[in-house]
C-alpha atoms as a PDB file:
ATOM      1  CA  MET A   1    -169.310 -40.265  44.302  1.00  0.00           C
ATOM      2  CA  THR A   2    -172.883 -39.127  44.106  1.00  0.00           C
ATOM      3  CA  ASN A   3    -173.956 -41.544  41.369  1.00  0.00           C
ATOM      4  CA  LEU A   4    -172.453 -44.732  42.753  1.00  0.00           C
ATOM      5  CA  GLN A   5    -175.908 -46.298  42.865  1.00  0.00           C
ATOM      6  CA  GLU A   6    -175.712 -46.632  39.070  1.00  0.00           C
ATOM      7  CA  TYR A   7    -172.639 -48.864  39.317  1.00  0.00           C
ATOM      8  CA  MET A   8    -173.787 -51.189  42.083  1.00  0.00           C
ATOM      9  CA  LEU A   9    -174.644 -54.786  41.314  1.00  0.00           C
ATOM     10  CA  PRO A  10    -178.324 -55.631  41.730  1.00  0.00           C
ATOM     11  CA  CYS A  11    -179.328 -58.400  44.101  1.00  0.00           C
ATOM     12  CA  LEU A  12    -180.306 -61.397  41.994  1.00  0.00           C
ATOM     13  CA  ASN A  13    -182.392 -62.878  44.814  1.00  0.00           C
ATOM     14  CA  LYS A  14    -184.370 -59.669  45.244  1.00  0.00           C
ATOM     15  CA  THR A  15    -184.771 -59.274  41.480  1.00  0.00           C
ATOM     16  CA  LEU A  16    -186.052 -62.816  40.927  1.00  0.00           C
ATOM     17  CA  PHE A  17    -187.984 -63.517  44.121  1.00  0.00           C
ATOM     18  CA  GLY A  18    -188.643 -60.088  45.631  1.00  0.00           C
ATOM     19  CA  ILE A  19    -186.978 -61.031  48.936  1.00  0.00           C
ATOM     20  CA  GLU A  20    -183.707 -59.568  50.100  1.00  0.00           C
ATOM     21  CA  CYS A  21    -180.737 -61.876  50.646  1.00  0.00           C
ATOM     22  CA  THR A  22    -178.348 -61.901  53.605  1.00  0.00           C
ATOM     23  CA  GLY A  23    -175.915 -59.684  51.711  1.00  0.00           C
ATOM     24  CA  CYS A  24    -178.371 -56.985  50.695  1.00  0.00           C
ATOM     25  CA  GLY A  25    -177.095 -53.649  51.891  1.00  0.00           C
ATOM     26  CA  ALA A  26    -173.412 -54.577  52.039  1.00  0.00           C
ATOM     27  CA  GLN A  27    -172.499 -52.580  48.916  1.00  0.00           C
ATOM     28  CA  ARG A  28    -174.401 -49.530  50.089  1.00  0.00           C
ATOM     29  CA  ALA A  29    -172.879 -49.869  53.566  1.00  0.00           C
ATOM     30  CA  ALA A  30    -169.383 -49.969  52.049  1.00  0.00           C
ATOM     31  CA  VAL A  31    -170.117 -46.802  50.070  1.00  0.00           C
ATOM     32  CA  LEU A  32    -171.480 -45.107  53.189  1.00  0.00           C
ATOM     33  CA  LEU A  33    -168.360 -46.184  55.060  1.00  0.00           C
ATOM     34  CA  PHE A  34    -166.097 -44.639  52.431  1.00  0.00           C
ATOM     35  CA  GLN A  35    -168.171 -41.454  52.553  1.00  0.00           C
ATOM     36  CA  GLY A  36    -167.648 -41.230  56.311  1.00  0.00           C
ATOM     37  CA  GLU A  37    -171.231 -42.079  57.276  1.00  0.00           C
ATOM     38  CA  PHE A  38    -170.232 -44.639  59.909  1.00  0.00           C
ATOM     39  CA  SER A  39    -173.513 -44.961  61.802  1.00  0.00           C
ATOM     40  CA  LYS A  40    -175.552 -45.092  58.580  1.00  0.00           C
ATOM     41  CA  ALA A  41    -173.244 -47.834  57.311  1.00  0.00           C
ATOM     42  CA  PHE A  42    -173.865 -49.845  60.473  1.00  0.00           C
ATOM     43  CA  PHE A  43    -177.645 -49.481  60.232  1.00  0.00           C
ATOM     44  CA  MET A  44    -177.557 -50.374  56.535  1.00  0.00           C
ATOM     45  CA  TYR A  45    -175.567 -53.581  57.151  1.00  0.00           C
ATOM     46  CA  PRO A  46    -174.679 -54.347  60.790  1.00  0.00           C
ATOM     47  CA  ALA A  47    -171.934 -56.841  59.923  1.00  0.00           C
ATOM     48  CA  ILE A  48    -169.867 -54.283  57.984  1.00  0.00           C
ATOM     49  CA  TYR A  49    -167.418 -53.634  60.822  1.00  0.00           C
ATOM     50  CA  SER A  50    -167.021 -57.227  61.930  1.00  0.00           C
ATOM     51  CA  LEU A  51    -166.434 -58.211  58.296  1.00  0.00           C
ATOM     52  CA  LEU A  52    -163.723 -55.552  58.074  1.00  0.00           C
ATOM     53  CA  VAL A  53    -162.074 -57.005  61.187  1.00  0.00           C
ATOM     54  CA  LEU A  54    -162.223 -60.483  59.632  1.00  0.00           C
ATOM     55  CA  LEU A  55    -160.790 -59.210  56.351  1.00  0.00           C
ATOM     56  CA  ALA A  56    -157.979 -57.365  58.151  1.00  0.00           C
ATOM     57  CA  PHE A  57    -157.153 -60.470  60.165  1.00  0.00           C
ATOM     58  CA  LEU A  58    -157.127 -62.667  57.055  1.00  0.00           C
ATOM     59  CA  LEU A  59    -154.801 -60.257  55.248  1.00  0.00           C
ATOM     60  CA  PHE A  60    -152.529 -60.029  58.285  1.00  0.00           C
ATOM     61  CA  ASN A  61    -152.506 -63.812  58.603  1.00  0.00           C
ATOM     62  CA  LEU A  62    -151.369 -64.222  55.004  1.00  0.00           C
ATOM     63  CA  PHE A  63    -148.021 -62.728  55.940  1.00  0.00           C
ATOM     64  CA  TYR A  64    -147.690 -63.623  59.622  1.00  0.00           C
ATOM     65  CA  LYS A  65    -148.537 -67.104  60.839  1.00  0.00           C
ATOM     66  CA  PHE A  66    -148.940 -67.684  64.552  1.00  0.00           C
ATOM     67  CA  ARG A  67    -150.346 -70.087  67.045  1.00  0.00           C
ATOM     68  CA  TYR A  68    -154.154 -70.368  67.263  1.00  0.00           C
ATOM     69  CA  ASP A  69    -154.709 -68.424  64.045  1.00  0.00           C
ATOM     70  CA  TYR A  70    -157.147 -71.096  62.830  1.00  0.00           C
ATOM     71  CA  SER A  71    -159.214 -70.801  66.022  1.00  0.00           C
ATOM     72  CA  ILE A  72    -159.309 -67.016  65.728  1.00  0.00           C
ATOM     73  CA  LYS A  73    -160.376 -67.225  62.071  1.00  0.00           C
ATOM     74  CA  MET A  74    -163.135 -69.694  62.860  1.00  0.00           C
ATOM     75  CA  GLY A  75    -164.304 -67.587  65.790  1.00  0.00           C
ATOM     76  CA  LEU A  76    -164.482 -64.471  63.612  1.00  0.00           C
ATOM     77  CA  ILE A  77    -166.305 -66.358  60.853  1.00  0.00           C
ATOM     78  CA  ILE A  78    -168.875 -67.744  63.293  1.00  0.00           C
ATOM     79  CA  PHE A  79    -169.254 -64.305  64.909  1.00  0.00           C
ATOM     80  CA  ASN A  80    -169.927 -62.756  61.482  1.00  0.00           C
ATOM     81  CA  ALA A  81    -172.377 -65.497  60.551  1.00  0.00           C
ATOM     82  CA  VAL A  82    -174.332 -64.905  63.754  1.00  0.00           C
ATOM     83  CA  ILE A  83    -174.459 -61.138  63.201  1.00  0.00           C
ATOM     84  CA  ILE A  84    -175.561 -61.584  59.586  1.00  0.00           C
ATOM     85  CA  ALA A  85    -178.233 -64.139  60.555  1.00  0.00           C
ATOM     86  CA  ILE A  86    -179.644 -62.015  63.376  1.00  0.00           C
ATOM     87  CA  ALA A  87    -179.702 -58.877  61.226  1.00  0.00           C
ATOM     88  CA  TYR A  88    -181.432 -60.793  58.427  1.00  0.00           C
ATOM     89  CA  ILE A  89    -184.070 -62.216  60.761  1.00  0.00           C
ATOM     90  CA  ILE A  90    -184.774 -58.771  62.215  1.00  0.00           C
ATOM     91  CA  LYS A  91    -185.001 -57.295  58.703  1.00  0.00           C
ATOM     92  CA  MET A  92    -187.437 -59.997  57.571  1.00  0.00           C
ATOM     93  CA  ILE A  93    -189.601 -59.531  60.663  1.00  0.00           C
ATOM     94  CA  HIS A  94    -189.855 -55.801  59.960  1.00  0.00           C
ATOM     95  CA  ILE A  95    -190.595 -56.333  56.258  1.00  0.00           C
ATOM     96  CA  PHE A  96    -193.407 -58.834  56.801  1.00  0.00           C
ATOM     97  CA  ASN A  97    -195.051 -56.931  59.664  1.00  0.00           C
END
């Protein structure tokens, strides 16, 4: 697992425009997560854990339907969008300063 960087997809936005996108770091964070580097994964991509919660809920909801599942899904999606947006804004502020 040491040469996983060779197999990662490059960011098209960063390649073409030189600016990172909102998903930059997610692949590396997933690799860090699988390697057991939990805090490094969070600092690489802060939404990694909330996205895992959303994914787990969506998989669970495929098999078990219950009341208010739509509201929970929408709440988790909005929560993830906010985390991703805030992390992106902070990253852009640090890059341009």
